[in-house]
Protein backbone atom coordinates (compact mmCIF):
# COMPACT_ATOMS: atom_id res chain seq x y z
CA UNK A 1 0.16 -0.12 -0.18
CA UNK A 2 1.24 3.45 -0.86
CA UNK A 3 1.96 5.83 1.72
CA UNK A 4 -0.60 8.57 2.15
CA UNK A 5 0.69 12.04 1.79
CA UNK A 6 -1.90 13.48 4.64
CA UNK A 7 -1.15 17.38 4.12
CA UNK A 8 -1.85 16.94 0.57
CA UNK A 9 -5.37 18.17 -0.58
CA UNK A 10 -5.70 14.77 -2.14
CA UNK A 11 -5.66 12.75 0.29
CA UNK A 12 -9.24 14.78 1.28
CA UNK A 13 -11.04 15.49 -1.81
CA UNK A 14 -13.64 12.81 -1.23
CA UNK A 15 -14.83 14.28 2.17
CA UNK A 16 -15.14 18.07 0.64
CA UNK A 17 -17.84 16.71 -1.84
CA UNK A 18 -21.38 17.63 -1.30
CA UNK A 19 -23.10 15.38 1.21
CA UNK A 20 -24.76 12.75 -1.01
CA UNK A 21 -21.64 12.06 -2.75
CA UNK A 22 -18.73 12.34 -0.02
CA UNK A 23 -16.78 9.76 1.34
CA UNK A 24 -15.08 8.95 4.11
CA UNK A 25 -11.60 9.09 5.38
CA UNK A 26 -9.15 6.91 3.99
CA UNK A 27 -8.82 4.08 6.54
CA UNK A 28 -5.31 4.51 7.35
CA UNK A 29 -6.47 7.48 9.19
CA UNK A 30 -7.36 5.77 11.98
CA UNK A 31 -4.38 3.85 12.12
CA UNK A 32 -1.41 5.10 10.88
CA UNK A 33 1.22 6.45 13.38
CA UNK A 34 2.30 9.61 10.66
CA UNK A 35 -2.00 10.93 10.67
CA UNK A 36 -2.10 10.35 14.25
CA UNK A 37 1.04 12.78 14.71
CA UNK A 38 -0.23 15.16 12.15
CA UNK A 39 -3.68 14.87 14.10
CA UNK A 40 -1.64 16.18 16.98
CA UNK A 41 -0.17 18.79 15.60
CA UNK A 42 -3.22 20.30 13.29
CA UNK A 43 -5.92 19.48 15.39
CA UNK A 44 -5.36 18.98 19.23
CA UNK A 45 -2.67 21.82 19.28
CA UNK A 46 -5.05 24.40 17.39
CA UNK A 47 -8.49 23.56 18.71
CA UNK A 48 -10.41 24.08 21.78
CA UNK A 49 -10.00 20.95 23.67
CA UNK A 50 -12.03 19.71 26.33
CA UNK A 51 -10.18 19.00 29.24
CA UNK A 52 -12.76 18.23 32.03
CA UNK A 53 -15.71 19.52 33.77
CA UNK A 54 -16.01 23.22 34.89
CA UNK A 55 -16.29 21.76 38.44
CA UNK A 56 -13.10 19.88 39.08
CA UNK A 57 -11.63 23.40 39.46
CA UNK A 58 -14.31 25.60 41.30
CA UNK A 59 -11.94 27.84 43.05
CA UNK A 60 -8.78 29.11 44.12
CA UNK A 61 -6.27 26.15 45.73
CA UNK A 62 -7.06 23.32 42.97
CA UNK A 63 -4.70 22.68 40.17
CA UNK A 64 -5.31 20.30 37.13
CA UNK A 65 -3.04 18.61 35.02
CA UNK A 66 -3.94 17.79 31.18
CA UNK A 67 -2.15 16.75 28.16
CA UNK A 68 -3.32 18.89 25.07
CA UNK A 69 -1.88 17.27 22.07
CA UNK A 70 2.06 16.98 22.75
CA UNK A 71 2.12 19.98 25.74
CA UNK A 72 1.32 18.86 29.43
CA UNK A 73 -0.43 21.86 31.06
CA UNK A 74 -1.72 23.02 34.42
CA UNK A 75 -5.17 24.99 35.20
CA UNK A 76 -6.00 26.72 38.44
CA UNK A 77 -7.87 30.12 39.63
CA UNK A 78 -6.41 32.90 40.91
CA UNK A 79 -7.01 34.74 43.86
CA UNK A 80 -9.82 36.69 42.24
CA UNK A 81 -11.51 33.23 41.09
CA UNK A 82 -10.08 33.80 37.71
CA UNK A 83 -9.56 30.89 35.51
CA UNK A 84 -5.85 30.41 34.70
CA UNK A 85 -4.12 28.36 32.42
CA UNK A 86 0.01 27.36 31.96
CA UNK A 87 2.46 25.58 30.13
CA UNK A 88 3.56 22.69 32.89
CA UNK A 89 7.25 23.70 33.07
CA UNK A 90 9.37 25.74 35.37
CA UNK A 91 11.16 28.50 33.42
CA UNK A 92 14.12 27.79 35.48
CA UNK A 93 15.22 24.21 33.86
CA UNK A 94 11.67 23.04 32.41
CA UNK A 95 10.94 20.70 35.65
CA UNK A 96 7.47 19.58 35.27
CA UNK A 97 5.50 21.41 38.25
CA UNK A 98 3.17 19.09 38.69
CA UNK A 99 2.27 15.50 37.84
CA UNK A 100 -1.23 14.81 38.99
CA UNK A 101 -4.38 16.70 39.72
CA UNK A 102 -3.59 18.17 43.32
CA UNK A 103 -4.44 20.98 45.70
CA UNK A 104 -2.07 23.70 46.22
CA UNK A 105 -1.35 26.61 48.91
CA UNK A 106 -1.64 29.63 46.62
CA UNK A 107 1.79 28.99 45.27
CA UNK A 108 2.86 26.94 42.34
CA UNK A 109 5.78 25.35 43.47
CA UNK A 110 8.69 23.62 41.00
CA UNK A 111 9.60 19.93 42.87
CA UNK A 112 13.10 20.78 41.57
CA UNK A 113 14.32 24.15 42.87
CA UNK A 114 11.57 24.76 44.74
CA UNK A 115 11.05 28.56 42.25
CA UNK A 116 7.35 29.85 43.25
CA UNK A 117 4.71 31.34 41.12
CA UNK A 118 1.53 33.11 42.42
CA UNK A 119 -1.55 31.68 40.89
CA UNK A 120 -1.81 34.35 38.13
CA UNK A 121 1.35 33.18 36.90
CA UNK A 122 3.99 35.68 38.12
CA UNK A 123 7.63 34.78 39.33
CA UNK A 124 7.74 35.17 43.33
CA UNK A 125 9.87 32.87 44.78
CA UNK A 126 13.72 31.89 43.69
CA UNK A 127 15.60 30.23 46.72
CA UNK A 128 19.06 31.53 47.02
CA UNK A 129 19.07 32.66 43.60
CA UNK A 130 20.47 36.04 45.14
CA UNK A 131 23.76 33.94 46.49
CA UNK A 132 25.43 34.86 43.02
CA UNK A 133 23.47 38.05 42.16
CA UNK A 134 22.38 38.99 38.61
CA UNK A 135 21.97 42.85 37.80
CA UNK A 136 19.97 41.95 34.72
CA UNK A 137 17.53 39.20 35.87
CA UNK A 138 13.93 40.46 36.26
CA UNK A 139 11.71 37.87 37.77
CA UNK A 140 8.75 39.61 35.61
CA UNK A 141 10.33 38.31 32.66
CA UNK A 142 9.91 34.40 34.08
CA UNK A 143 5.95 34.06 34.44
CA UNK A 144 5.02 30.77 33.62
CA UNK A 145 3.88 30.62 29.98
CA UNK A 146 0.11 31.19 29.35
CA UNK A 147 -2.66 28.81 27.73
CA UNK A 148 -5.93 29.82 26.68
CA UNK A 149 -8.21 28.46 28.95
CA UNK A 150 -12.20 29.30 29.14
CA UNK A 151 -15.48 27.56 30.38
CA UNK A 152 -18.98 26.84 28.55
CA UNK A 153 -21.63 25.59 30.93
CA UNK A 154 -20.29 22.78 32.26
CA UNK A 155 -17.41 22.13 30.06
CA UNK A 156 -13.80 23.55 30.78
CA UNK A 157 -11.42 23.86 27.53
CA UNK A 158 -8.00 24.82 26.71
CA UNK A 159 -6.34 25.79 23.20
CA UNK A 160 -2.98 26.01 22.85
CA UNK A 161 -3.00 28.16 19.70
CA UNK A 162 -2.96 31.81 19.94
CA UNK A 163 -4.69 32.71 16.13
CA UNK A 164 -7.89 30.14 16.92
CA UNK A 165 -10.84 32.24 17.35
CA UNK A 166 -12.15 32.44 20.92
CA UNK A 167 -14.21 29.60 22.68
CA UNK A 168 -17.47 31.52 22.02
CA UNK A 169 -17.17 31.79 18.63
CA UNK A 170 -16.02 27.90 18.16
CA UNK A 171 -19.02 26.98 20.05
CA UNK A 172 -21.47 29.02 17.36
CA UNK A 173 -25.32 28.70 18.32
CA UNK A 174 -24.53 26.06 20.86
CA UNK A 175 -24.51 28.11 23.76
CA UNK A 176 -27.83 29.95 22.77
CA UNK A 177 -29.34 26.52 21.97
CA UNK A 178 -28.58 25.28 25.24
CA UNK A 179 -29.29 28.37 27.24
CA UNK A 180 -32.40 27.19 29.14
CA UNK A 181 -30.40 24.34 30.89
CA UNK A 182 -28.07 26.65 32.38
CA UNK A 183 -25.45 24.01 32.44
CA UNK A 184 -23.22 25.76 34.56
CA UNK A 185 -24.71 25.62 37.86
CA UNK A 186 -24.97 21.60 36.76
CA UNK A 187 -22.78 19.48 39.56
CA UNK A 188 -20.48 16.48 39.09
CA UNK A 189 -22.18 13.38 40.97
CA UNK A 190 -19.84 10.74 39.58
CA UNK A 191 -17.07 10.01 37.14
CA UNK A 192 -15.29 7.09 35.57
CA UNK A 193 -12.35 6.68 33.34
CA UNK A 194 -12.07 3.79 30.63
CA UNK A 195 -9.68 3.19 27.90
CA UNK A 196 -10.68 1.73 24.82
CA UNK A 197 -9.18 -0.18 22.42
CA UNK A 198 -10.27 1.75 19.37
CA UNK A 199 -8.96 5.41 17.28
CA UNK A 200 -10.72 8.42 19.19
CA UNK A 201 -12.86 9.23 15.83
CA UNK A 202 -14.50 5.98 15.72
CA UNK A 203 -15.90 6.21 18.92
CA UNK A 204 -17.37 10.25 18.29
CA UNK A 205 -18.63 9.19 14.95
CA UNK A 206 -20.31 6.04 15.96
CA UNK A 207 -21.80 8.60 18.67
CA UNK A 208 -23.29 11.06 15.82
CA UNK A 209 -24.88 8.47 13.87
CA UNK A 210 -27.77 6.60 14.99
CA UNK A 211 -28.40 3.76 12.21
CA UNK A 212 -26.76 1.53 14.42
CA UNK A 213 -28.94 2.05 17.20
CA UNK A 214 -31.53 -0.59 17.00
CA UNK A 215 -28.96 -3.59 16.52
CA UNK A 216 -26.26 -2.11 18.73
CA UNK A 217 -28.11 -0.63 21.71
CA UNK A 218 -31.88 -1.97 21.82
CA UNK A 219 -32.22 -1.23 25.44
CA UNK A 220 -30.86 2.61 24.59
CA UNK A 221 -33.66 2.19 21.81
CA UNK A 222 -36.51 1.68 24.34
CA UNK A 223 -35.92 5.39 25.65
CA UNK A 224 -34.39 7.52 22.46
CA UNK A 225 -36.45 5.41 19.80
CA UNK A 226 -35.06 5.83 16.52
CA UNK A 227 -37.90 7.26 15.02
CA UNK A 228 -38.17 10.35 17.13
CA UNK A 229 -34.50 11.15 16.37
CA UNK A 230 -34.19 14.63 14.71
CA UNK A 231 -30.72 16.90 13.80
CA UNK A 232 -30.00 19.49 16.20
CA UNK A 233 -27.28 21.81 14.10
CA UNK A 234 -26.29 25.44 13.48
CA UNK A 235 -23.29 27.21 12.66
CA UNK A 236 -20.43 25.97 15.03
CA UNK A 237 -18.08 22.96 15.44
CA UNK A 238 -20.71 20.81 16.88
CA UNK A 239 -23.18 18.30 15.48
CA UNK A 240 -25.91 16.66 17.27
CA UNK A 241 -29.05 15.53 17.12
CA UNK A 242 -32.00 15.52 19.51
CA UNK A 243 -34.80 12.69 20.54
CA UNK A 244 -38.26 14.32 21.51
CA UNK A 245 -39.87 12.83 23.14
CA UNK A 246 -37.63 10.82 25.08
CA UNK A 247 -39.75 7.77 26.04
CA UNK A 248 -40.34 5.96 29.37
CA UNK A 249 -43.01 3.48 29.02
CA UNK A 250 -40.66 0.25 28.21
CA UNK A 251 -37.68 1.82 30.57
CA UNK A 252 -37.57 4.60 32.69
CA UNK A 253 -34.03 5.02 33.59
CA UNK A 254 -33.48 8.64 32.13
CA UNK A 255 -36.34 9.90 34.12
CA UNK A 256 -35.78 7.85 36.91
CA UNK A 257 -34.31 11.52 38.88
CA UNK A 258 -35.86 14.52 39.28
CA UNK A 259 -35.69 17.14 36.03
CA UNK A 260 -34.45 20.47 36.24
CA UNK A 261 -36.50 23.34 37.06
CA UNK A 262 -38.04 26.21 34.44
CA UNK A 263 -37.22 24.17 31.38
CA UNK A 264 -39.39 25.14 28.37
CA UNK A 265 -41.45 22.85 26.58
CA UNK A 266 -38.78 21.24 24.36
CA UNK A 267 -36.04 20.66 26.44
CA UNK A 268 -38.23 19.42 29.29
CA UNK A 269 -38.97 16.37 27.18
CA UNK A 270 -36.02 15.80 24.77
CA UNK A 271 -32.69 14.50 24.76
CA UNK A 272 -29.79 16.60 23.06
CA UNK A 273 -26.79 14.23 22.11
CA UNK A 274 -24.19 16.79 20.94
CA UNK A 275 -20.30 15.99 19.88
CA UNK A 276 -18.15 19.46 20.33
CA UNK A 277 -14.98 19.00 18.29
CA UNK A 278 -12.78 17.48 18.46
CA UNK A 279 -12.85 15.87 21.72
CA UNK A 280 -16.06 15.98 23.71
CA UNK A 281 -19.45 13.95 23.50
CA UNK A 282 -22.71 15.29 25.37
CA UNK A 283 -25.64 13.43 26.45
CA UNK A 284 -28.23 16.25 27.71
CA UNK A 285 -31.33 15.16 29.38
CA UNK A 286 -34.14 16.91 31.42
CA UNK A 287 -32.60 15.65 34.50
CA UNK A 288 -28.50 14.75 34.30
CA UNK A 289 -25.54 15.67 31.79
CA UNK A 290 -23.61 12.46 30.69
CA UNK A 291 -20.16 13.76 29.47
CA UNK A 292 -17.84 11.82 27.31
CA UNK A 293 -14.51 13.29 26.79
CA UNK A 294 -11.87 11.74 24.67
CA UNK A 295 -8.12 11.76 24.82
CA UNK A 296 -6.36 10.15 22.31
CA UNK A 297 -3.23 7.96 23.49
CA UNK A 298 -2.36 6.18 20.05
CA UNK A 299 -4.10 5.33 16.95
CA UNK A 300 -5.91 2.18 18.34
CA UNK A 301 -6.63 3.36 22.18
CA UNK A 302 -8.43 6.36 23.39
CA UNK A 303 -9.20 7.46 27.36
CA UNK A 304 -12.70 8.16 27.92
CA UNK A 305 -13.65 10.33 30.78
CA UNK A 306 -16.97 9.88 31.40
CA UNK A 307 -19.22 12.28 34.08
CA UNK A 308 -22.06 12.49 35.38
CA UNK A 309 -23.48 15.80 36.17
CA UNK A 310 -27.10 16.74 37.76
CA UNK A 311 -29.12 20.06 37.94
CA UNK A 312 -27.82 22.24 40.98
CA UNK A 313 -31.15 21.94 42.44
CA UNK A 314 -31.20 18.02 42.50
CA UNK A 315 -27.61 17.55 43.03
CA UNK A 316 -28.18 16.45 46.48
CA UNK A 317 -29.93 13.23 45.43
CA UNK A 318 -28.65 9.94 47.00
CA UNK A 319 -26.39 7.40 45.75
CA UNK A 320 -28.69 4.98 45.39
CA UNK A 321 -31.26 7.55 43.29
CA UNK A 322 -28.40 8.39 40.94
CA UNK A 323 -27.35 4.27 40.31
CA UNK A 324 -29.81 3.11 37.80
CA UNK A 325 -29.15 5.99 35.27
CA UNK A 326 -25.33 5.51 36.06
CA UNK A 327 -25.34 1.98 34.96
CA UNK A 328 -27.58 2.14 32.00
CA UNK A 329 -25.01 4.92 30.70
CA UNK A 330 -22.02 2.51 31.45
CA UNK A 331 -23.91 -0.40 30.16
CA UNK A 332 -24.36 1.43 26.43
CA UNK A 333 -20.72 2.60 26.38
CA UNK A 334 -19.77 -1.06 26.97
CA UNK A 335 -22.10 -2.31 23.85
């Protein structure tokens, strides 16, 4: 088989035709290590990438460590509650500042030489550095390297490229379409991580089509019937579908929890299923939100972080109350 030159337009000409004439990707795009590297540089190091849910870093003192493309970044909030993102490297010798999510006491410290940074990234401590003074050393020139971070609803995003449009432009009309849910107030109740032996694009593509639903997910099809699926899409880097109404006559897993208050006539009876490019999948129901964040590890391996969120008004329900809905989603995911 000839090697594909992934940056040549010829490799993509079929995908750019009108919808009824277009083709899918070359199959090698799901397996080729060369493509995986191009994709990492040209997609994940340029896009707004979902890196978690917003309440994982609700206030100052929490530090998140995430991988975006080929870079490790850290995310926290400063003393005023403003979200901050930085490259996960000390400005002295490039040492990794943190290996895992952790709590800090107002200072980000390098484990190597204990240089310290404020929560807004400024260099505030250089132990013993004055033993051999340098007249030309200005701490203001050695702040942590900033990374763009932002929040929409319950989701936390990062973008390595300064040239990419703002997150609100990236999302298009999606925030307006989902404004009635007030997702920014929803709270996390459960999170699980799974390693899936599949390319990340296959997982997202599978989610975005319901052709397979009847045969692969027969139980899901009882509450999200194929005949009730409709397109849910507008301008923005997302692709979606909706089920109206969500059915509870054969299975009531999705209806067991109390709904969010003040939903309109459509949101109160619908399921919204949205894939935001490149790496996050949302299932928004009247009473819960199921988030699947996809982190590509290798061409044939994806780490999937599943988070279940509830409306703030119902977020204190017992674990027993959420168990059937959580179990149902995990069953569908295994299928």
